[in-house]
Amino acid sequence: GGNAALTERSKEEFACGNLFEVVLSQQWSVPAEARPSAVFRTLRRRNPSPYGFLMNLRGEDAEDAPAWAKGYGKGEYLVGASPEMFVRVERVDGSMRVETCPISGTIQRGENALEDAVQVRTLLASKKDESELTMCTDVDRNDKSRICEPGSVAVIGRRQIEMYSKLIHTVDHVEGYLRKGFDALDAFLCHTWAVTVTGAPKPWAARFIEKHERSARAWYGGAVGHVAFDGSLNTGLTLRTIHFADGVASVRAGATLLYDSDPVAEEAETELKASAMLQALAVSASGDGDGVETEAAESVDAFDAAAAGVGKRVLLVDHEDSFVHTLANYLR
């Protein structure tokens, strides 16, 4: 396919030293025949992940919607089940700790636990997958060294195994402590964008991606998460994500390329990564979401409005609150 041809093209850049590694992606688009909420519930059941999200970016077109908001007649949504932390910052003993978990190294899951064990052994024995993750972690450590206390950046977990519905990944765990004068947003920005979705050196990889990938990444490789009032931050990469817009569902997946990458194998890896999302779309559209939709419908049918609240009491305390009495009236 086209992605395999790009793998061959990237080897020219590896040979002359412009690139050490690059992450090339491709996109699949299918008719959006299931509601985003149904797909989200299917993913949550079939492929639980650290960063699951359902984002309504723009609802159904309304008659009074401004001109700039029109064009997505069936709404725009992001539904994701991302395995990868981007940047997390939290306060530990008075210091701000920065944490990342770069993922690189992928193999398909087996049919049972014994086959999974064989696949794990194969993945851990792969020098190519080890090199991919080492490169990503080296770049990640460099990103942290811009803003962290000297000597505080450390790899505290090496080639840890994480399992998902279709895949087995190897993951490193890297931490550092911010120098005075830097905060969580500095940590977020200095890691932009993740080496695991771009490559190394980052500027050269980004230029190669922009020039050669056949469609714009848009949401792919971005981040979702929250910034808290205490200065902490927790974000995950928008991987294993489905974009719904104008009745079309799009899935994007990439693979990390090195000089000795096999073009056919790398393209197959992108297809494998996309398969869980595409399968979730198909299962949700068929109405067979492992009983998720049926359970939701049954719970609604079983609800008896007349009996709601019977035999139960609610205590609301007015502690200098502006809304408790309004809320109490709703309950009454």
C-alpha atoms as a PDB file:
ATOM      1  CA  GLY A   1       0.000   0.000   0.000  1.00  0.00           C
ATOM      2  CA  GLY A   2       0.870   3.672   0.003  1.00  0.00           C
ATOM      3  CA  ASN A   3       2.117   3.588   3.576  1.00  0.00           C
ATOM      4  CA  ALA A   4       4.601   0.832   2.723  1.00  0.00           C
ATOM      5  CA  ALA A   5       5.934   2.980  -0.142  1.00  0.00           C
ATOM      6  CA  LEU A   6       6.483   5.860   2.300  1.00  0.00           C
ATOM      7  CA  THR A   7       8.448   3.522   4.540  1.00  0.00           C
ATOM      8  CA  GLU A   8      10.890   2.975   1.666  1.00  0.00           C
ATOM      9  CA  ARG A   9      11.065   6.749   1.114  1.00  0.00           C
ATOM     10  CA  SER A  10      11.898   7.361   4.769  1.00  0.00           C
ATOM     11  CA  LYS A  11      14.901   5.032   4.514  1.00  0.00           C
ATOM     12  CA  GLU A  12      16.583   7.584   2.240  1.00  0.00           C
ATOM     13  CA  GLU A  13      16.353  10.115   5.080  1.00  0.00           C
ATOM     14  CA  PHE A  14      17.705   7.585   7.576  1.00  0.00           C
ATOM     15  CA  ALA A  15      20.646   6.823   5.281  1.00  0.00           C
ATOM     16  CA  CYS A  16      21.774  10.446   5.062  1.00  0.00           C
ATOM     17  CA  GLY A  17      21.212  11.158   8.763  1.00  0.00           C
ATOM     18  CA  ASN A  18      18.253  13.521   8.507  1.00  0.00           C
ATOM     19  CA  LEU A  19      16.069  11.125  10.505  1.00  0.00           C
ATOM     20  CA  PHE A  20      16.752   8.608  13.249  1.00  0.00           C
ATOM     21  CA  GLU A  21      13.126   7.468  13.433  1.00  0.00           C
ATOM     22  CA  VAL A  22       9.764   8.720  12.161  1.00  0.00           C
ATOM     23  CA  VAL A  23       6.140   7.820  12.886  1.00  0.00           C
ATOM     24  CA  LEU A  24       4.035   7.614   9.726  1.00  0.00           C
ATOM     25  CA  SER A  25       0.263   7.257   9.951  1.00  0.00           C
ATOM     26  CA  GLN A  26      -2.670   6.581   7.662  1.00  0.00           C
ATOM     27  CA  GLN A  27      -6.428   7.082   7.934  1.00  0.00           C
ATOM     28  CA  TRP A  28      -9.514   4.924   7.391  1.00  0.00           C
ATOM     29  CA  SER A  29     -12.978   6.450   6.901  1.00  0.00           C
ATOM     30  CA  VAL A  30     -16.321   4.637   7.012  1.00  0.00           C
ATOM     31  CA  PRO A  31     -19.992   5.701   7.220  1.00  0.00           C
ATOM     32  CA  ALA A  32     -20.896   6.617  10.820  1.00  0.00           C
ATOM     33  CA  GLU A  33     -23.805   4.225  11.337  1.00  0.00           C
ATOM     34  CA  ALA A  34     -23.740   4.226  15.153  1.00  0.00           C
ATOM     35  CA  ARG A  35     -24.142   7.001  17.692  1.00  0.00           C
ATOM     36  CA  PRO A  36     -20.851   8.243  19.213  1.00  0.00           C
ATOM     37  CA  SER A  37     -22.205   7.477  22.695  1.00  0.00           C
ATOM     38  CA  ALA A  38     -22.863   3.855  21.678  1.00  0.00           C
ATOM     39  CA  VAL A  39     -19.338   3.517  20.274  1.00  0.00           C
ATOM     40  CA  PHE A  40     -17.886   4.993  23.471  1.00  0.00           C
ATOM     41  CA  ARG A  41     -19.735   2.449  25.618  1.00  0.00           C
ATOM     42  CA  THR A  42     -18.585  -0.365  23.335  1.00  0.00           C
ATOM     43  CA  LEU A  43     -14.960   0.759  23.607  1.00  0.00           C
ATOM     44  CA  ARG A  44     -15.191   1.124  27.351  1.00  0.00           C
ATOM     45  CA  ARG A  45     -16.420  -2.456  27.594  1.00  0.00           C
ATOM     46  CA  ARG A  46     -14.250  -4.113  24.941  1.00  0.00           C
ATOM     47  CA  ASN A  47     -11.046  -2.038  25.067  1.00  0.00           C
ATOM     48  CA  PRO A  48     -10.695  -0.300  28.477  1.00  0.00           C
ATOM     49  CA  SER A  49      -7.842   2.203  28.430  1.00  0.00           C
ATOM     50  CA  PRO A  50      -6.281   4.776  30.780  1.00  0.00           C
ATOM     51  CA  TYR A  51      -7.684   7.724  28.800  1.00  0.00           C
ATOM     52  CA  GLY A  52     -11.237   7.178  27.609  1.00  0.00           C
ATOM     53  CA  PHE A  53     -13.213  10.170  26.378  1.00  0.00           C
ATOM     54  CA  LEU A  54     -16.337  11.248  24.513  1.00  0.00           C
ATOM     55  CA  MET A  55     -16.226  14.868  23.343  1.00  0.00           C
ATOM     56  CA  ASN A  56     -19.113  16.689  21.681  1.00  0.00           C
ATOM     57  CA  LEU A  57     -17.245  19.258  19.595  1.00  0.00           C
ATOM     58  CA  ARG A  58     -20.323  20.463  17.764  1.00  0.00           C
ATOM     59  CA  GLY A  59     -23.888  19.206  18.081  1.00  0.00           C
ATOM     60  CA  GLU A  60     -26.493  18.769  15.398  1.00  0.00           C
ATOM     61  CA  ASP A  61     -26.911  21.768  13.109  1.00  0.00           C
ATOM     62  CA  ALA A  62     -29.645  24.053  14.388  1.00  0.00           C
ATOM     63  CA  GLU A  63     -31.651  26.425  12.222  1.00  0.00           C
ATOM     64  CA  ASP A  64     -30.305  29.413  14.134  1.00  0.00           C
ATOM     65  CA  ALA A  65     -26.666  28.222  14.127  1.00  0.00           C
ATOM     66  CA  PRO A  66     -24.186  30.840  12.864  1.00  0.00           C
ATOM     67  CA  ALA A  67     -22.723  30.290   9.402  1.00  0.00           C
ATOM     68  CA  TRP A  68     -19.288  29.298  10.727  1.00  0.00           C
ATOM     69  CA  ALA A  69     -20.835  26.499  12.807  1.00  0.00           C
ATOM     70  CA  LYS A  70     -22.683  24.862   9.934  1.00  0.00           C
ATOM     71  CA  GLY A  71     -21.354  22.089   7.730  1.00  0.00           C
ATOM     72  CA  TYR A  72     -21.477  19.157  10.129  1.00  0.00           C
ATOM     73  CA  GLY A  73     -25.072  18.109   9.604  1.00  0.00           C
ATOM     74  CA  LYS A  74     -24.717  15.129  11.930  1.00  0.00           C
ATOM     75  CA  GLY A  75     -22.482  16.729  14.526  1.00  0.00           C
ATOM     76  CA  GLU A  76     -18.759  16.449  15.286  1.00  0.00           C
ATOM     77  CA  TYR A  77     -17.391  14.239  18.045  1.00  0.00           C
ATOM     78  CA  LEU A  78     -14.191  12.609  19.270  1.00  0.00           C
ATOM     79  CA  VAL A  79     -14.442   9.173  20.879  1.00  0.00           C
ATOM     80  CA  GLY A  80     -11.240   7.733  22.235  1.00  0.00           C
ATOM     81  CA  ALA A  81      -9.664   4.900  24.223  1.00  0.00           C
ATOM     82  CA  SER A  82      -6.064   6.067  24.382  1.00  0.00           C
ATOM     83  CA  PRO A  83      -3.395   3.879  25.970  1.00  0.00           C
ATOM     84  CA  GLU A  84      -0.708   6.550  26.289  1.00  0.00           C
ATOM     85  CA  MET A  85      -0.116   9.252  28.850  1.00  0.00           C
ATOM     86  CA  PHE A  86       1.278  12.443  27.319  1.00  0.00           C
ATOM     87  CA  VAL A  87       2.309  14.547  30.335  1.00  0.00           C
ATOM     88  CA  ARG A  88       1.233  14.350  33.972  1.00  0.00           C
ATOM     89  CA  VAL A  89       2.354  16.858  36.603  1.00  0.00           C
ATOM     90  CA  GLU A  90       1.584  16.548  40.323  1.00  0.00           C
ATOM     91  CA  ARG A  91       2.866  18.028  43.573  1.00  0.00           C
ATOM     92  CA  VAL A  92       5.031  15.637  45.592  1.00  0.00           C
ATOM     93  CA  ASP A  93       6.586  16.766  48.899  1.00  0.00           C
ATOM     94  CA  GLY A  94       6.530  20.408  47.825  1.00  0.00           C
ATOM     95  CA  SER A  95       8.018  19.805  44.356  1.00  0.00           C
ATOM     96  CA  MET A  96       6.301  19.439  40.995  1.00  0.00           C
ATOM     97  CA  ARG A  97       6.854  15.968  39.555  1.00  0.00           C
ATOM     98  CA  VAL A  98       6.633  15.480  35.769  1.00  0.00           C
ATOM     99  CA  GLU A  99       5.751  12.034  34.490  1.00  0.00           C
ATOM    100  CA  THR A 100       5.451  10.467  31.027  1.00  0.00           C
ATOM    101  CA  CYS A 101       4.976   6.923  29.747  1.00  0.00           C
ATOM    102  CA  PRO A 102       6.234   6.656  26.141  1.00  0.00           C
ATOM    103  CA  ILE A 103       4.870   3.645  24.274  1.00  0.00           C
ATOM    104  CA  SER A 104       6.754   1.996  21.419  1.00  0.00           C
ATOM    105  CA  GLY A 105       6.930  -1.657  20.503  1.00  0.00           C
ATOM    106  CA  THR A 106       3.783  -3.483  19.428  1.00  0.00           C
ATOM    107  CA  ILE A 107       2.678  -7.044  18.774  1.00  0.00           C
ATOM    108  CA  GLN A 108      -0.698  -8.694  18.251  1.00  0.00           C
ATOM    109  CA  ARG A 109      -2.323 -10.489  21.165  1.00  0.00           C
ATOM    110  CA  GLY A 110      -2.691 -14.248  21.124  1.00  0.00           C
ATOM    111  CA  GLU A 111      -5.894 -16.269  21.310  1.00  0.00           C
ATOM    112  CA  ASN A 112      -5.329 -17.234  24.963  1.00  0.00           C
ATOM    113  CA  ALA A 113      -3.010 -16.624  27.924  1.00  0.00           C
ATOM    114  CA  LEU A 114      -0.370 -19.084  26.719  1.00  0.00           C
ATOM    115  CA  GLU A 115      -0.218 -17.468  23.278  1.00  0.00           C
ATOM    116  CA  ASP A 116      -0.055 -14.041  24.957  1.00  0.00           C
ATOM    117  CA  ALA A 117       2.981 -15.239  26.927  1.00  0.00           C
ATOM    118  CA  VAL A 118       4.689 -16.320  23.696  1.00  0.00           C
ATOM    119  CA  GLN A 119       3.917 -12.945  22.100  1.00  0.00           C
ATOM    120  CA  VAL A 120       5.295 -11.079  25.122  1.00  0.00           C
ATOM    121  CA  ARG A 121       8.524 -13.075  24.905  1.00  0.00           C
ATOM    122  CA  THR A 122       8.765 -12.360  21.169  1.00  0.00           C
ATOM    123  CA  LEU A 123       8.217  -8.630  21.722  1.00  0.00           C
ATOM    124  CA  LEU A 124      10.782  -8.399  24.519  1.00  0.00           C
ATOM    125  CA  ALA A 125      13.314 -10.267  22.373  1.00  0.00           C
ATOM    126  CA  SER A 126      12.865  -7.882  19.423  1.00  0.00           C
ATOM    127  CA  LYS A 127      15.936  -5.649  19.041  1.00  0.00           C
ATOM    128  CA  LYS A 128      14.040  -3.445  16.603  1.00  0.00           C
ATOM    129  CA  ASP A 129      11.200  -2.797  19.091  1.00  0.00           C
ATOM    130  CA  GLU A 130      13.748  -2.227  21.864  1.00  0.00           C
ATOM    131  CA  SER A 131      15.563   0.332  19.700  1.00  0.00           C
ATOM    132  CA  GLU A 132      12.294   2.153  18.931  1.00  0.00           C
ATOM    133  CA  LEU A 133      11.457   2.569  22.607  1.00  0.00           C
ATOM    134  CA  THR A 134      15.019   3.495  23.572  1.00  0.00           C
ATOM    135  CA  MET A 135      15.038   6.292  20.987  1.00  0.00           C
ATOM    136  CA  CYS A 136      11.662   7.601  22.154  1.00  0.00           C
ATOM    137  CA  THR A 137      12.734   7.566  25.796  1.00  0.00           C
ATOM    138  CA  ASP A 138      16.027   9.321  25.032  1.00  0.00           C
ATOM    139  CA  VAL A 139      14.125  12.149  23.310  1.00  0.00           C
ATOM    140  CA  ASP A 140      11.638  12.254  26.192  1.00  0.00           C
ATOM    141  CA  ARG A 141      14.461  12.555  28.737  1.00  0.00           C
ATOM    142  CA  ASN A 142      15.928  15.380  26.690  1.00  0.00           C
ATOM    143  CA  ASP A 143      12.574  17.196  26.711  1.00  0.00           C
ATOM    144  CA  LYS A 144      12.436  16.986  30.499  1.00  0.00           C
ATOM    145  CA  SER A 145      16.037  18.117  30.907  1.00  0.00           C
ATOM    146  CA  ARG A 146      15.074  21.539  29.522  1.00  0.00           C
ATOM    147  CA  ILE A 147      12.998  22.362  32.589  1.00  0.00           C
ATOM    148  CA  CYS A 148      13.784  19.780  35.290  1.00  0.00           C
ATOM    149  CA  GLU A 149      16.308  19.831  38.120  1.00  0.00           C
ATOM    150  CA  PRO A 150      19.671  18.392  37.053  1.00  0.00           C
ATOM    151  CA  GLY A 151      19.902  14.762  38.108  1.00  0.00           C
ATOM    152  CA  SER A 152      16.146  14.403  38.700  1.00  0.00           C
ATOM    153  CA  VAL A 153      15.272  12.922  35.293  1.00  0.00           C
ATOM    154  CA  ALA A 154      15.171   9.146  35.544  1.00  0.00           C
ATOM    155  CA  VAL A 155      13.726   6.083  33.819  1.00  0.00           C
ATOM    156  CA  ILE A 156      11.842   4.369  36.640  1.00  0.00           C
ATOM    157  CA  GLY A 157      10.214   1.644  34.529  1.00  0.00           C
ATOM    158  CA  ARG A 158      11.762  -0.054  31.500  1.00  0.00           C
ATOM    159  CA  ARG A 159       9.910  -1.994  28.767  1.00  0.00           C
ATOM    160  CA  GLN A 160       6.898  -2.691  30.929  1.00  0.00           C
ATOM    161  CA  ILE A 161       4.153  -4.761  29.312  1.00  0.00           C
ATOM    162  CA  GLU A 162       0.664  -3.339  28.760  1.00  0.00           C
ATOM    163  CA  MET A 163      -2.131  -5.379  27.176  1.00  0.00           C
ATOM    164  CA  TYR A 164      -5.196  -4.151  25.306  1.00  0.00           C
ATOM    165  CA  SER A 165      -7.958  -5.903  23.378  1.00  0.00           C
ATOM    166  CA  LYS A 166      -5.905  -6.395  20.202  1.00  0.00           C
ATOM    167  CA  LEU A 167      -2.351  -5.360  21.129  1.00  0.00           C
ATOM    168  CA  ILE A 168       0.539  -5.816  23.492  1.00  0.00           C
ATOM    169  CA  HIS A 169       2.791  -2.761  23.998  1.00  0.00           C
ATOM    170  CA  THR A 170       6.120  -2.092  25.701  1.00  0.00           C
ATOM    171  CA  VAL A 171       6.186   1.073  27.800  1.00  0.00           C
ATOM    172  CA  ASP A 172       8.870   3.084  29.582  1.00  0.00           C
ATOM    173  CA  HIS A 173       8.134   5.233  32.637  1.00  0.00           C
ATOM    174  CA  VAL A 174      10.075   8.505  32.939  1.00  0.00           C
ATOM    175  CA  GLU A 175       9.991  11.160  35.674  1.00  0.00           C
ATOM    176  CA  GLY A 176      11.647  14.444  36.565  1.00  0.00           C
ATOM    177  CA  TYR A 177      11.153  17.358  38.984  1.00  0.00           C
ATOM    178  CA  LEU A 178      10.559  20.889  37.707  1.00  0.00           C
ATOM    179  CA  ARG A 179      13.078  23.612  38.382  1.00  0.00           C
ATOM    180  CA  LYS A 180      11.829  26.758  40.107  1.00  0.00           C
ATOM    181  CA  GLY A 181      10.155  29.128  37.679  1.00  0.00           C
ATOM    182  CA  PHE A 182       8.505  26.377  35.616  1.00  0.00           C
ATOM    183  CA  ASP A 183       4.984  24.981  35.920  1.00  0.00           C
ATOM    184  CA  ALA A 184       2.757  22.271  34.481  1.00  0.00           C
ATOM    185  CA  LEU A 185       2.075  24.155  31.248  1.00  0.00           C
ATOM    186  CA  ASP A 186       5.819  24.513  30.669  1.00  0.00           C
ATOM    187  CA  ALA A 187       6.105  20.742  31.072  1.00  0.00           C
ATOM    188  CA  PHE A 188       3.282  20.217  28.590  1.00  0.00           C
ATOM    189  CA  LEU A 189       4.781  22.555  26.009  1.00  0.00           C
ATOM    190  CA  CYS A 190       8.355  21.290  26.243  1.00  0.00           C
ATOM    191  CA  HIS A 191       7.156  17.769  25.343  1.00  0.00           C
ATOM    192  CA  THR A 192       5.134  19.032  22.367  1.00  0.00           C
ATOM    193  CA  TRP A 193       4.583  17.020  20.321  1.00  0.00           C
ATOM    194  CA  ALA A 194       5.176  13.541  21.648  1.00  0.00           C
ATOM    195  CA  VAL A 195       8.123  11.749  20.117  1.00  0.00           C
ATOM    196  CA  THR A 196       6.004   8.592  19.936  1.00  0.00           C
ATOM    197  CA  VAL A 197       3.775  10.213  17.269  1.00  0.00           C
ATOM    198  CA  THR A 198       6.456  12.255  15.464  1.00  0.00           C
ATOM    199  CA  GLY A 199       9.992  10.868  15.566  1.00  0.00           C
ATOM    200  CA  ALA A 200      13.546  12.098  16.029  1.00  0.00           C
ATOM    201  CA  PRO A 201      14.865  14.671  15.556  1.00  0.00           C
ATOM    202  CA  LYS A 202      11.398  16.132  16.103  1.00  0.00           C
ATOM    203  CA  PRO A 203      11.653  19.089  13.647  1.00  0.00           C
ATOM    204  CA  TRP A 204      12.905  16.889  10.800  1.00  0.00           C
ATOM    205  CA  ALA A 205      10.314  14.220  11.555  1.00  0.00           C
ATOM    206  CA  ALA A 206       7.506  16.807  11.604  1.00  0.00           C
ATOM    207  CA  ARG A 207       8.620  18.204   8.237  1.00  0.00           C
ATOM    208  CA  PHE A 208       8.769  14.731   6.707  1.00  0.00           C
ATOM    209  CA  ILE A 209       5.291  13.877   8.036  1.00  0.00           C
ATOM    210  CA  GLU A 210       3.783  17.133   6.791  1.00  0.00           C
ATOM    211  CA  LYS A 211       5.299  16.668   3.355  1.00  0.00           C
ATOM    212  CA  HIS A 212       4.569  12.995   2.774  1.00  0.00           C
ATOM    213  CA  GLU A 213       1.463  11.880   4.651  1.00  0.00           C
ATOM    214  CA  ARG A 214      -1.540  11.781   2.345  1.00  0.00           C
ATOM    215  CA  SER A 215      -3.967  13.614   4.661  1.00  0.00           C
ATOM    216  CA  ALA A 216      -3.733  16.127   7.495  1.00  0.00           C
ATOM    217  CA  ARG A 217      -3.519  14.658  10.972  1.00  0.00           C
ATOM    218  CA  ALA A 218      -5.888  17.238  12.513  1.00  0.00           C
ATOM    219  CA  TRP A 219      -6.824  15.736  15.908  1.00  0.00           C
ATOM    220  CA  TYR A 220      -4.415  12.751  15.699  1.00  0.00           C
ATOM    221  CA  GLY A 221      -1.470  12.953  18.092  1.00  0.00           C
ATOM    222  CA  GLY A 222      -2.959  15.846  20.048  1.00  0.00           C
ATOM    223  CA  ALA A 223      -3.840  15.593  23.720  1.00  0.00           C
ATOM    224  CA  VAL A 224      -6.872  15.497  25.999  1.00  0.00           C
ATOM    225  CA  GLY A 225      -6.908  15.999  29.739  1.00  0.00           C
ATOM    226  CA  HIS A 226      -7.291  18.580  32.479  1.00  0.00           C
ATOM    227  CA  VAL A 227      -5.400  21.367  34.215  1.00  0.00           C
ATOM    228  CA  ALA A 228      -6.303  21.660  37.905  1.00  0.00           C
ATOM    229  CA  PHE A 229      -6.413  24.687  40.182  1.00  0.00           C
ATOM    230  CA  ASP A 230      -3.604  23.263  42.335  1.00  0.00           C
ATOM    231  CA  GLY A 231      -1.210  23.513  39.374  1.00  0.00           C
ATOM    232  CA  SER A 232      -1.347  19.825  38.441  1.00  0.00           C
ATOM    233  CA  LEU A 233      -2.037  18.496  34.964  1.00  0.00           C
ATOM    234  CA  ASN A 234      -2.953  15.132  33.460  1.00  0.00           C
ATOM    235  CA  THR A 235      -3.106  14.542  29.686  1.00  0.00           C
ATOM    236  CA  GLY A 236      -3.271  11.602  27.308  1.00  0.00           C
ATOM    237  CA  LEU A 237      -2.502  11.439  23.595  1.00  0.00           C
ATOM    238  CA  THR A 238      -5.380  11.290  21.111  1.00  0.00           C
ATOM    239  CA  LEU A 239      -4.522   7.808  19.859  1.00  0.00           C
ATOM    240  CA  ARG A 240      -7.026   4.963  19.276  1.00  0.00           C
ATOM    241  CA  THR A 241      -9.531   7.727  18.600  1.00  0.00           C
ATOM    242  CA  ILE A 242     -12.507   8.003  16.250  1.00  0.00           C
ATOM    243  CA  HIS A 243     -13.492  11.337  14.709  1.00  0.00           C
ATOM    244  CA  PHE A 244     -17.149  11.712  13.752  1.00  0.00           C
ATOM    245  CA  ALA A 245     -18.085  14.509  11.349  1.00  0.00           C
ATOM    246  CA  ASP A 246     -20.872  14.935   8.811  1.00  0.00           C
ATOM    247  CA  GLY A 247     -21.861  11.286   8.966  1.00  0.00           C
ATOM    248  CA  VAL A 248     -18.319   9.936   8.495  1.00  0.00           C
ATOM    249  CA  ALA A 249     -16.215   8.141  11.124  1.00  0.00           C
ATOM    250  CA  SER A 250     -12.429   8.401  10.689  1.00  0.00           C
ATOM    251  CA  VAL A 251      -9.727   6.369  12.417  1.00  0.00           C
ATOM    252  CA  ARG A 252      -5.989   7.063  12.194  1.00  0.00           C
ATOM    253  CA  ALA A 253      -3.038   4.914  13.277  1.00  0.00           C
ATOM    254  CA  GLY A 254       0.721   5.059  12.850  1.00  0.00           C
ATOM    255  CA  ALA A 255       3.879   2.981  13.242  1.00  0.00           C
ATOM    256  CA  THR A 256       7.420   3.910  14.257  1.00  0.00           C
ATOM    257  CA  LEU A 257       9.929   3.448  11.441  1.00  0.00           C
ATOM    258  CA  LEU A 258      13.657   2.811  11.710  1.00  0.00           C
ATOM    259  CA  TYR A 259      16.279   2.186   9.038  1.00  0.00           C
ATOM    260  CA  ASP A 260      15.717  -1.588   9.144  1.00  0.00           C
ATOM    261  CA  SER A 261      11.886  -1.428   9.187  1.00  0.00           C
ATOM    262  CA  ASP A 262       9.993  -3.904   7.022  1.00  0.00           C
ATOM    263  CA  PRO A 263       7.480  -1.852   4.946  1.00  0.00           C
ATOM    264  CA  VAL A 264       4.865  -4.623   4.852  1.00  0.00           C
ATOM    265  CA  ALA A 265       5.125  -5.285   8.584  1.00  0.00           C
ATOM    266  CA  GLU A 266       4.873  -1.582   9.434  1.00  0.00           C
ATOM    267  CA  GLU A 267       1.735  -1.151   7.332  1.00  0.00           C
ATOM    268  CA  ALA A 268       0.240  -4.244   8.974  1.00  0.00           C
ATOM    269  CA  GLU A 269       0.948  -2.681  12.384  1.00  0.00           C
ATOM    270  CA  THR A 270      -1.075   0.421  11.526  1.00  0.00           C
ATOM    271  CA  GLU A 271      -3.949  -1.809  10.386  1.00  0.00           C
ATOM    272  CA  LEU A 272      -3.769  -3.782  13.621  1.00  0.00           C
ATOM    273  CA  LYS A 273      -3.848  -0.617  15.736  1.00  0.00           C
ATOM    274  CA  ALA A 274      -6.875   0.685  13.839  1.00  0.00           C
ATOM    275  CA  SER A 275      -8.734  -2.634  14.016  1.00  0.00           C
ATOM    276  CA  ALA A 276     -10.088  -2.191  17.564  1.00  0.00           C
ATOM    277  CA  MET A 277     -11.676   1.143  16.616  1.00  0.00           C
ATOM    278  CA  LEU A 278     -13.090  -0.130  13.332  1.00  0.00           C
ATOM    279  CA  GLN A 279     -14.471  -3.203  15.067  1.00  0.00           C
ATOM    280  CA  ALA A 280     -16.099  -1.032  17.744  1.00  0.00           C
ATOM    281  CA  LEU A 281     -17.811   0.962  14.995  1.00  0.00           C
ATOM    282  CA  ALA A 282     -19.100  -2.216  13.326  1.00  0.00           C
ATOM    283  CA  VAL A 283     -20.271  -3.807  16.592  1.00  0.00           C
ATOM    284  CA  SER A 284     -22.061  -0.625  17.710  1.00  0.00           C
ATOM    285  CA  ALA A 285     -23.745  -0.224  14.317  1.00  0.00           C
ATOM    286  CA  SER A 286     -25.042  -3.801  14.464  1.00  0.00           C
ATOM    287  CA  GLY A 287     -26.545  -3.207  17.904  1.00  0.00           C
ATOM    288  CA  ASP A 288     -24.395  -5.974  19.404  1.00  0.00           C
ATOM    289  CA  GLY A 289     -22.233  -3.970  21.779  1.00  0.00           C
ATOM    290  CA  ASP A 290     -21.720  -6.859  24.194  1.00  0.00           C
ATOM    291  CA  GLY A 291     -25.157  -6.094  25.598  1.00  0.00           C
ATOM    292  CA  VAL A 292     -24.241  -2.501  26.456  1.00  0.00           C
ATOM    293  CA  GLU A 293     -27.052  -0.903  24.477  1.00  0.00           C
ATOM    294  CA  THR A 294     -29.531  -3.552  25.636  1.00  0.00           C
ATOM    295  CA  GLU A 295     -28.591  -3.022  29.284  1.00  0.00           C
ATOM    296  CA  ALA A 296     -28.970   0.739  28.924  1.00  0.00           C
ATOM    297  CA  ALA A 297     -32.403   0.367  27.326  1.00  0.00           C
ATOM    298  CA  GLU A 298     -33.527  -2.120  29.980  1.00  0.00           C
ATOM    299  CA  SER A 299     -32.424   0.205  32.790  1.00  0.00           C
ATOM    300  CA  VAL A 300     -34.548   3.009  31.305  1.00  0.00           C
ATOM    301  CA  ASP A 301     -37.561   0.714  30.851  1.00  0.00           C
ATOM    302  CA  ALA A 302     -37.240  -0.520  34.438  1.00  0.00           C
ATOM    303  CA  PHE A 303     -37.313   2.992  35.931  1.00  0.00           C
ATOM    304  CA  ASP A 304     -40.575   3.744  37.766  1.00  0.00           C
ATOM    305  CA  ALA A 305     -40.967   7.509  38.094  1.00  0.00           C
ATOM    306  CA  ALA A 306     -43.876   7.195  40.524  1.00  0.00           C
ATOM    307  CA  ALA A 307     -41.788   5.203  42.984  1.00  0.00           C
ATOM    308  CA  ALA A 308     -38.688   7.382  42.737  1.00  0.00           C
ATOM    309  CA  GLY A 309     -37.567   8.596  46.146  1.00  0.00           C
ATOM    310  CA  VAL A 310     -40.109   6.571  48.107  1.00  0.00           C
ATOM    311  CA  GLY A 311     -38.608   5.524  51.433  1.00  0.00           C
ATOM    312  CA  LYS A 312     -35.507   7.698  50.966  1.00  0.00           C
ATOM    313  CA  ARG A 313     -34.458  10.940  52.638  1.00  0.00           C
ATOM    314  CA  VAL A 314     -31.930  13.540  51.459  1.00  0.00           C
ATOM    315  CA  LEU A 315     -30.123  15.973  53.755  1.00  0.00           C
ATOM    316  CA  LEU A 316     -28.831  19.197  52.149  1.00  0.00           C
ATOM    317  CA  VAL A 317     -26.650  21.533  54.224  1.00  0.00           C
ATOM    318  CA  ASP A 318     -26.553  25.260  53.447  1.00  0.00           C
ATOM    319  CA  HIS A 319     -22.871  26.073  53.952  1.00  0.00           C
ATOM    320  CA  GLU A 320     -22.677  29.574  52.438  1.00  0.00           C
ATOM    321  CA  ASP A 321     -23.880  28.044  49.203  1.00  0.00           C
ATOM    322  CA  SER A 322     -25.734  29.882  46.433  1.00  0.00           C
ATOM    323  CA  PHE A 323     -27.621  26.934  44.979  1.00  0.00           C
ATOM    324  CA  VAL A 324     -28.636  24.514  47.717  1.00  0.00           C
ATOM    325  CA  HIS A 325     -32.181  25.845  48.133  1.00  0.00           C
ATOM    326  CA  THR A 326     -32.860  25.690  44.390  1.00  0.00           C
ATOM    327  CA  LEU A 327     -31.558  22.131  44.399  1.00  0.00           C
ATOM    328  CA  ALA A 328     -33.751  21.291  47.391  1.00  0.00           C
ATOM    329  CA  ASN A 329     -36.814  22.507  45.544  1.00  0.00           C
ATOM    330  CA  TYR A 330     -35.998  20.259  42.603  1.00  0.00           C
ATOM    331  CA  LEU A 331     -35.845  17.305  44.979  1.00  0.00           C
ATOM    332  CA  ARG A 332     -39.076  18.326  46.704  1.00  0.00           C
END
